[in-house]
Amino acid sequence: MKRTWAGEVRNVSLLVASAVNSEGYPVILGICEGAKEDKSGWSSFLRHLLDRGLSGVQLIISDA
């Protein structure tokens, strides 16, 4: 995704966490914009979700 910061166009990553609720419907848990899709970015994002009350995670799937 492209974003303008300080008058300059830069690439940014969108980190997205989704889940399936107990009725089988997909839900978005959170979306975070970051400079890179790296370990520290994902760690911070997942910590934010935990701080918001995320629990009961049984499986994580990632494309990288």
PDB file of N, CA and C in Angstrom:
ATOM      1  N   MET A   1       0.844  -1.161   0.000  1.00  0.00           N
ATOM      2  CA  MET A   1       0.000   0.000   0.000  1.00  0.00           C
ATOM      3  C   MET A   1       0.895   1.231   0.000  1.00  0.00           C
ATOM      4  N   LYS A   2       0.515   2.249  -0.715  1.00  0.00           N
ATOM      5  CA  LYS A   2       1.273   3.501  -0.761  1.00  0.00           C
ATOM      6  C   LYS A   2       0.638   4.516   0.189  1.00  0.00           C
ATOM      7  N   ARG A   3       1.495   5.268   0.888  1.00  0.00           N
ATOM      8  CA  ARG A   3       1.029   6.279   1.835  1.00  0.00           C
ATOM      9  C   ARG A   3       1.950   7.498   1.729  1.00  0.00           C
ATOM     10  N   THR A   4       1.379   8.675   1.844  1.00  0.00           N
ATOM     11  CA  THR A   4       2.169   9.899   1.826  1.00  0.00           C
ATOM     12  C   THR A   4       2.499  10.298   3.254  1.00  0.00           C
ATOM     13  N   TRP A   5       3.803  10.357   3.570  1.00  0.00           N
ATOM     14  CA  TRP A   5       4.296  10.798   4.869  1.00  0.00           C
ATOM     15  C   TRP A   5       5.280  11.923   4.649  1.00  0.00           C
ATOM     16  N   ALA A   6       5.036  13.055   5.271  1.00  0.00           N
ATOM     17  CA  ALA A   6       5.925  14.220   5.185  1.00  0.00           C
ATOM     18  C   ALA A   6       6.177  14.614   3.727  1.00  0.00           C
ATOM     19  N   GLY A   7       5.131  14.549   2.906  1.00  0.00           N
ATOM     20  CA  GLY A   7       5.248  14.950   1.513  1.00  0.00           C
ATOM     21  C   GLY A   7       5.932  13.941   0.615  1.00  0.00           C
ATOM     22  N   GLU A   8       6.233  12.768   1.124  1.00  0.00           N
ATOM     23  CA  GLU A   8       6.926  11.731   0.365  1.00  0.00           C
ATOM     24  C   GLU A   8       6.064  10.471   0.310  1.00  0.00           C
ATOM     25  N   VAL A   9       5.964   9.848  -0.860  1.00  0.00           N
ATOM     26  CA  VAL A   9       5.182   8.617  -1.014  1.00  0.00           C
ATOM     27  C   VAL A   9       6.056   7.432  -0.618  1.00  0.00           C
ATOM     28  N   ARG A  10       5.536   6.613   0.300  1.00  0.00           N
ATOM     29  CA  ARG A  10       6.278   5.450   0.796  1.00  0.00           C
ATOM     30  C   ARG A  10       5.375   4.223   0.812  1.00  0.00           C
ATOM     31  N   ASN A  11       5.991   3.055   0.737  1.00  0.00           N
ATOM     32  CA  ASN A  11       5.259   1.804   0.886  1.00  0.00           C
ATOM     33  C   ASN A  11       5.043   1.535   2.368  1.00  0.00           C
ATOM     34  N   VAL A  12       3.866   1.074   2.715  1.00  0.00           N
ATOM     35  CA  VAL A  12       3.570   0.660   4.084  1.00  0.00           C
ATOM     36  C   VAL A  12       2.917  -0.720   4.046  1.00  0.00           C
ATOM     37  N   SER A  13       3.001  -1.402   5.157  1.00  0.00           N
ATOM     38  CA  SER A  13       2.364  -2.712   5.285  1.00  0.00           C
ATOM     39  C   SER A  13       1.102  -2.585   6.115  1.00  0.00           C
ATOM     40  N   LEU A  14       0.125  -3.390   5.792  1.00  0.00           N
ATOM     41  CA  LEU A  14      -1.066  -3.504   6.627  1.00  0.00           C
ATOM     42  C   LEU A  14      -1.060  -4.893   7.233  1.00  0.00           C
ATOM     43  N   LEU A  15      -1.020  -4.942   8.561  1.00  0.00           N
ATOM     44  CA  LEU A  15      -1.087  -6.202   9.274  1.00  0.00           C
ATOM     45  C   LEU A  15      -2.545  -6.422   9.653  1.00  0.00           C
ATOM     46  N   VAL A  16      -3.082  -7.579   9.323  1.00  0.00           N
ATOM     47  CA  VAL A  16      -4.499  -7.865   9.551  1.00  0.00           C
ATOM     48  C   VAL A  16      -4.635  -9.182  10.305  1.00  0.00           C
ATOM     49  N   ALA A  17      -5.453  -9.164  11.344  1.00  0.00           N
ATOM     50  CA  ALA A  17      -5.773 -10.388  12.078  1.00  0.00           C
ATOM     51  C   ALA A  17      -7.263 -10.660  11.903  1.00  0.00           C
ATOM     52  N   SER A  18      -7.586 -11.848  11.437  1.00  0.00           N
ATOM     53  CA  SER A  18      -8.986 -12.228  11.266  1.00  0.00           C
ATOM     54  C   SER A  18      -9.216 -13.543  11.997  1.00  0.00           C
ATOM     55  N   ALA A  19     -10.470 -13.839  12.219  1.00  0.00           N
ATOM     56  CA  ALA A  19     -10.834 -15.057  12.942  1.00  0.00           C
ATOM     57  C   ALA A  19     -12.176 -15.554  12.434  1.00  0.00           C
ATOM     58  N   VAL A  20     -12.583 -16.694  12.941  1.00  0.00           N
ATOM     59  CA  VAL A  20     -13.903 -17.251  12.672  1.00  0.00           C
ATOM     60  C   VAL A  20     -14.601 -17.365  14.025  1.00  0.00           C
ATOM     61  N   ASN A  21     -15.783 -16.769  14.136  1.00  0.00           N
ATOM     62  CA  ASN A  21     -16.487 -16.803  15.421  1.00  0.00           C
ATOM     63  C   ASN A  21     -17.169 -18.158  15.636  1.00  0.00           C
ATOM     64  N   SER A  22     -17.823 -18.308  16.768  1.00  0.00           N
ATOM     65  CA  SER A  22     -18.424 -19.593  17.129  1.00  0.00           C
ATOM     66  C   SER A  22     -19.546 -20.032  16.191  1.00  0.00           C
ATOM     67  N   GLU A  23     -20.126 -19.069  15.442  1.00  0.00           N
ATOM     68  CA  GLU A  23     -21.164 -19.412  14.459  1.00  0.00           C
ATOM     69  C   GLU A  23     -20.576 -19.698  13.080  1.00  0.00           C
ATOM     70  N   GLY A  24     -19.251 -19.587  12.945  1.00  0.00           N
ATOM     71  CA  GLY A  24     -18.593 -19.881  11.677  1.00  0.00           C
ATOM     72  C   GLY A  24     -18.424 -18.684  10.758  1.00  0.00           C
ATOM     73  N   TYR A  25     -18.729 -17.476  11.243  1.00  0.00           N
ATOM     74  CA  TYR A  25     -18.595 -16.275  10.423  1.00  0.00           C
ATOM     75  C   TYR A  25     -17.228 -15.627  10.619  1.00  0.00           C
ATOM     76  N   PRO A  26     -16.643 -15.112   9.535  1.00  0.00           N
ATOM     77  CA  PRO A  26     -15.350 -14.431   9.673  1.00  0.00           C
ATOM     78  C   PRO A  26     -15.514 -13.065  10.343  1.00  0.00           C
ATOM     79  N   VAL A  27     -14.540 -12.696  11.165  1.00  0.00           N
ATOM     80  CA  VAL A  27     -14.512 -11.388  11.814  1.00  0.00           C
ATOM     81  C   VAL A  27     -13.091 -10.833  11.740  1.00  0.00           C
ATOM     82  N   ILE A  28     -12.983  -9.520  11.627  1.00  0.00           N
ATOM     83  CA  ILE A  28     -11.692  -8.854  11.653  1.00  0.00           C
ATOM     84  C   ILE A  28     -11.388  -8.498  13.113  1.00  0.00           C
ATOM     85  N   LEU A  29     -10.253  -8.957  13.620  1.00  0.00           N
ATOM     86  CA  LEU A  29      -9.856  -8.664  14.992  1.00  0.00           C
ATOM     87  C   LEU A  29      -9.117  -7.338  15.094  1.00  0.00           C
ATOM     88  N   GLY A  30      -8.378  -6.994  14.043  1.00  0.00           N
ATOM     89  CA  GLY A  30      -7.641  -5.741  14.065  1.00  0.00           C
ATOM     90  C   GLY A  30      -6.860  -5.534  12.787  1.00  0.00           C
ATOM     91  N   ILE A  31      -6.550  -4.273  12.517  1.00  0.00           N
ATOM     92  CA  ILE A  31      -5.734  -3.886  11.366  1.00  0.00           C
ATOM     93  C   ILE A  31      -4.753  -2.835  11.858  1.00  0.00           C
ATOM     94  N   CYS A  32      -3.497  -2.976  11.467  1.00  0.00           N
ATOM     95  CA  CYS A  32      -2.458  -2.042  11.898  1.00  0.00           C
ATOM     96  C   CYS A  32      -1.589  -1.683  10.700  1.00  0.00           C
ATOM     97  N   GLU A  33      -1.302  -0.404  10.557  1.00  0.00           N
ATOM     98  CA  GLU A  33      -0.416   0.064   9.490  1.00  0.00           C
ATOM     99  C   GLU A  33       0.986   0.200  10.056  1.00  0.00           C
ATOM    100  N   GLY A  34       1.968  -0.283   9.316  1.00  0.00           N
ATOM    101  CA  GLY A  34       3.348  -0.202   9.778  1.00  0.00           C
ATOM    102  C   GLY A  34       4.313   0.019   8.641  1.00  0.00           C
ATOM    103  N   ALA A  35       5.536   0.372   9.001  1.00  0.00           N
ATOM    104  CA  ALA A  35       6.565   0.626   8.000  1.00  0.00           C
ATOM    105  C   ALA A  35       7.007  -0.655   7.308  1.00  0.00           C
ATOM    106  N   LYS A  36       7.074  -1.762   8.085  1.00  0.00           N
ATOM    107  CA  LYS A  36       7.519  -3.039   7.525  1.00  0.00           C
ATOM    108  C   LYS A  36       6.702  -4.174   8.124  1.00  0.00           C
ATOM    109  N   GLU A  37       6.656  -5.272   7.381  1.00  0.00           N
ATOM    110  CA  GLU A  37       6.041  -6.498   7.891  1.00  0.00           C
ATOM    111  C   GLU A  37       7.173  -7.353   8.451  1.00  0.00           C
ATOM    112  N   ASP A  38       7.562  -7.066   9.693  1.00  0.00           N
ATOM    113  CA  ASP A  38       8.681  -7.766  10.298  1.00  0.00           C
ATOM    114  C   ASP A  38       8.305  -8.286  11.684  1.00  0.00           C
ATOM    115  N   LYS A  39       9.251  -8.945  12.333  1.00  0.00           N
ATOM    116  CA  LYS A  39       8.998  -9.560  13.631  1.00  0.00           C
ATOM    117  C   LYS A  39       8.524  -8.543  14.663  1.00  0.00           C
ATOM    118  N   SER A  40       9.185  -7.396  14.733  1.00  0.00           N
ATOM    119  CA  SER A  40       8.811  -6.408  15.749  1.00  0.00           C
ATOM    120  C   SER A  40       7.426  -5.824  15.470  1.00  0.00           C
ATOM    121  N   GLY A  41       7.088  -5.620  14.202  1.00  0.00           N
ATOM    122  CA  GLY A  41       5.766  -5.113  13.850  1.00  0.00           C
ATOM    123  C   GLY A  41       4.666  -6.087  14.231  1.00  0.00           C
ATOM    124  N   TRP A  42       4.861  -7.370  13.896  1.00  0.00           N
ATOM    125  CA  TRP A  42       3.873  -8.385  14.241  1.00  0.00           C
ATOM    126  C   TRP A  42       3.783  -8.575  15.753  1.00  0.00           C
ATOM    127  N   SER A  43       4.920  -8.568  16.441  1.00  0.00           N
ATOM    128  CA  SER A  43       4.914  -8.726  17.901  1.00  0.00           C
ATOM    129  C   SER A  43       4.119  -7.612  18.568  1.00  0.00           C
ATOM    130  N   SER A  44       4.347  -6.381  18.123  1.00  0.00           N
ATOM    131  CA  SER A  44       3.630  -5.233  18.680  1.00  0.00           C
ATOM    132  C   SER A  44       2.129  -5.340  18.401  1.00  0.00           C
ATOM    133  N   PHE A  45       1.780  -5.723  17.177  1.00  0.00           N
ATOM    134  CA  PHE A  45       0.379  -5.859  16.792  1.00  0.00           C
ATOM    135  C   PHE A  45      -0.318  -6.947  17.611  1.00  0.00           C
ATOM    136  N   LEU A  46       0.321  -8.100  17.752  1.00  0.00           N
ATOM    137  CA  LEU A  46      -0.266  -9.194  18.519  1.00  0.00           C
ATOM    138  C   LEU A  46      -0.370  -8.831  20.000  1.00  0.00           C
ATOM    139  N   ARG A  47       0.621  -8.120  20.538  1.00  0.00           N
ATOM    140  CA  ARG A  47       0.551  -7.659  21.931  1.00  0.00           C
ATOM    141  C   ARG A  47      -0.646  -6.725  22.111  1.00  0.00           C
ATOM    142  N   HIS A  48      -0.878  -5.841  21.127  1.00  0.00           N
ATOM    143  CA  HIS A  48      -2.029  -4.933  21.174  1.00  0.00           C
ATOM    144  C   HIS A  48      -3.341  -5.720  21.221  1.00  0.00           C
ATOM    145  N   LEU A  49      -3.440  -6.767  20.410  1.00  0.00           N
ATOM    146  CA  LEU A  49      -4.653  -7.594  20.412  1.00  0.00           C
ATOM    147  C   LEU A  49      -4.837  -8.294  21.762  1.00  0.00           C
ATOM    148  N   LEU A  50      -3.755  -8.777  22.349  1.00  0.00           N
ATOM    149  CA  LEU A  50      -3.834  -9.410  23.666  1.00  0.00           C
ATOM    150  C   LEU A  50      -4.265  -8.402  24.726  1.00  0.00           C
ATOM    151  N   ASP A  51      -3.722  -7.195  24.655  1.00  0.00           N
ATOM    152  CA  ASP A  51      -4.091  -6.148  25.607  1.00  0.00           C
ATOM    153  C   ASP A  51      -5.565  -5.768  25.487  1.00  0.00           C
ATOM    154  N   ARG A  52      -6.134  -5.934  24.283  1.00  0.00           N
ATOM    155  CA  ARG A  52      -7.553  -5.658  24.061  1.00  0.00           C
ATOM    156  C   ARG A  52      -8.446  -6.822  24.477  1.00  0.00           C
ATOM    157  N   GLY A  53      -7.839  -7.941  24.912  1.00  0.00           N
ATOM    158  CA  GLY A  53      -8.638  -9.045  25.417  1.00  0.00           C
ATOM    159  C   GLY A  53      -8.648 -10.299  24.558  1.00  0.00           C
ATOM    160  N   LEU A  54      -7.852 -10.361  23.513  1.00  0.00           N
ATOM    161  CA  LEU A  54      -7.803 -11.569  22.684  1.00  0.00           C
ATOM    162  C   LEU A  54      -7.363 -12.755  23.535  1.00  0.00           C
ATOM    163  N   SER A  55      -8.089 -13.844  23.421  1.00  0.00           N
ATOM    164  CA  SER A  55      -7.728 -15.065  24.147  1.00  0.00           C
ATOM    165  C   SER A  55      -8.285 -16.264  23.379  1.00  0.00           C
ATOM    166  N   GLY A  56      -7.851 -17.442  23.762  1.00  0.00           N
ATOM    167  CA  GLY A  56      -8.368 -18.662  23.157  1.00  0.00           C
ATOM    168  C   GLY A  56      -7.853 -18.942  21.760  1.00  0.00           C
ATOM    169  N   VAL A  57      -6.713 -18.352  21.390  1.00  0.00           N
ATOM    170  CA  VAL A  57      -6.145 -18.584  20.055  1.00  0.00           C
ATOM    171  C   VAL A  57      -5.707 -20.037  19.952  1.00  0.00           C
ATOM    172  N   GLN A  58      -6.162 -20.720  18.901  1.00  0.00           N
ATOM    173  CA  GLN A  58      -5.833 -22.125  18.708  1.00  0.00           C
ATOM    174  C   GLN A  58      -4.926 -22.363  17.500  1.00  0.00           C
ATOM    175  N   LEU A  59      -4.891 -21.399  16.575  1.00  0.00           N
ATOM    176  CA  LEU A  59      -4.119 -21.589  15.346  1.00  0.00           C
ATOM    177  C   LEU A  59      -3.769 -20.242  14.758  1.00  0.00           C
ATOM    178  N   ILE A  60      -2.533 -20.099  14.287  1.00  0.00           N
ATOM    179  CA  ILE A  60      -2.109 -18.900  13.570  1.00  0.00           C
ATOM    180  C   ILE A  60      -1.566 -19.349  12.223  1.00  0.00           C
ATOM    181  N   ILE A  61      -2.014 -18.715  11.151  1.00  0.00           N
ATOM    182  CA  ILE A  61      -1.532 -19.011   9.796  1.00  0.00           C
ATOM    183  C   ILE A  61      -1.007 -17.698   9.221  1.00  0.00           C
ATOM    184  N   SER A  62       0.187 -17.749   8.647  1.00  0.00           N
ATOM    185  CA  SER A  62       0.802 -16.562   8.050  1.00  0.00           C
ATOM    186  C   SER A  62       1.305 -16.910   6.659  1.00  0.00           C
ATOM    187  N   ASP A  63       1.407 -15.887   5.817  1.00  0.00           N
ATOM    188  CA  ASP A  63       1.890 -16.133   4.449  1.00  0.00           C
ATOM    189  C   ASP A  63       3.403 -16.003   4.340  1.00  0.00           C
ATOM    190  N   ALA A  64       4.070 -15.595   5.405  1.00  0.00           N
ATOM    191  CA  ALA A  64       5.536 -15.449   5.336  1.00  0.00           C
ATOM    192  C   ALA A  64       6.183 -15.949   6.607  1.00  0.00           C
TER     193      ALA A  64
END
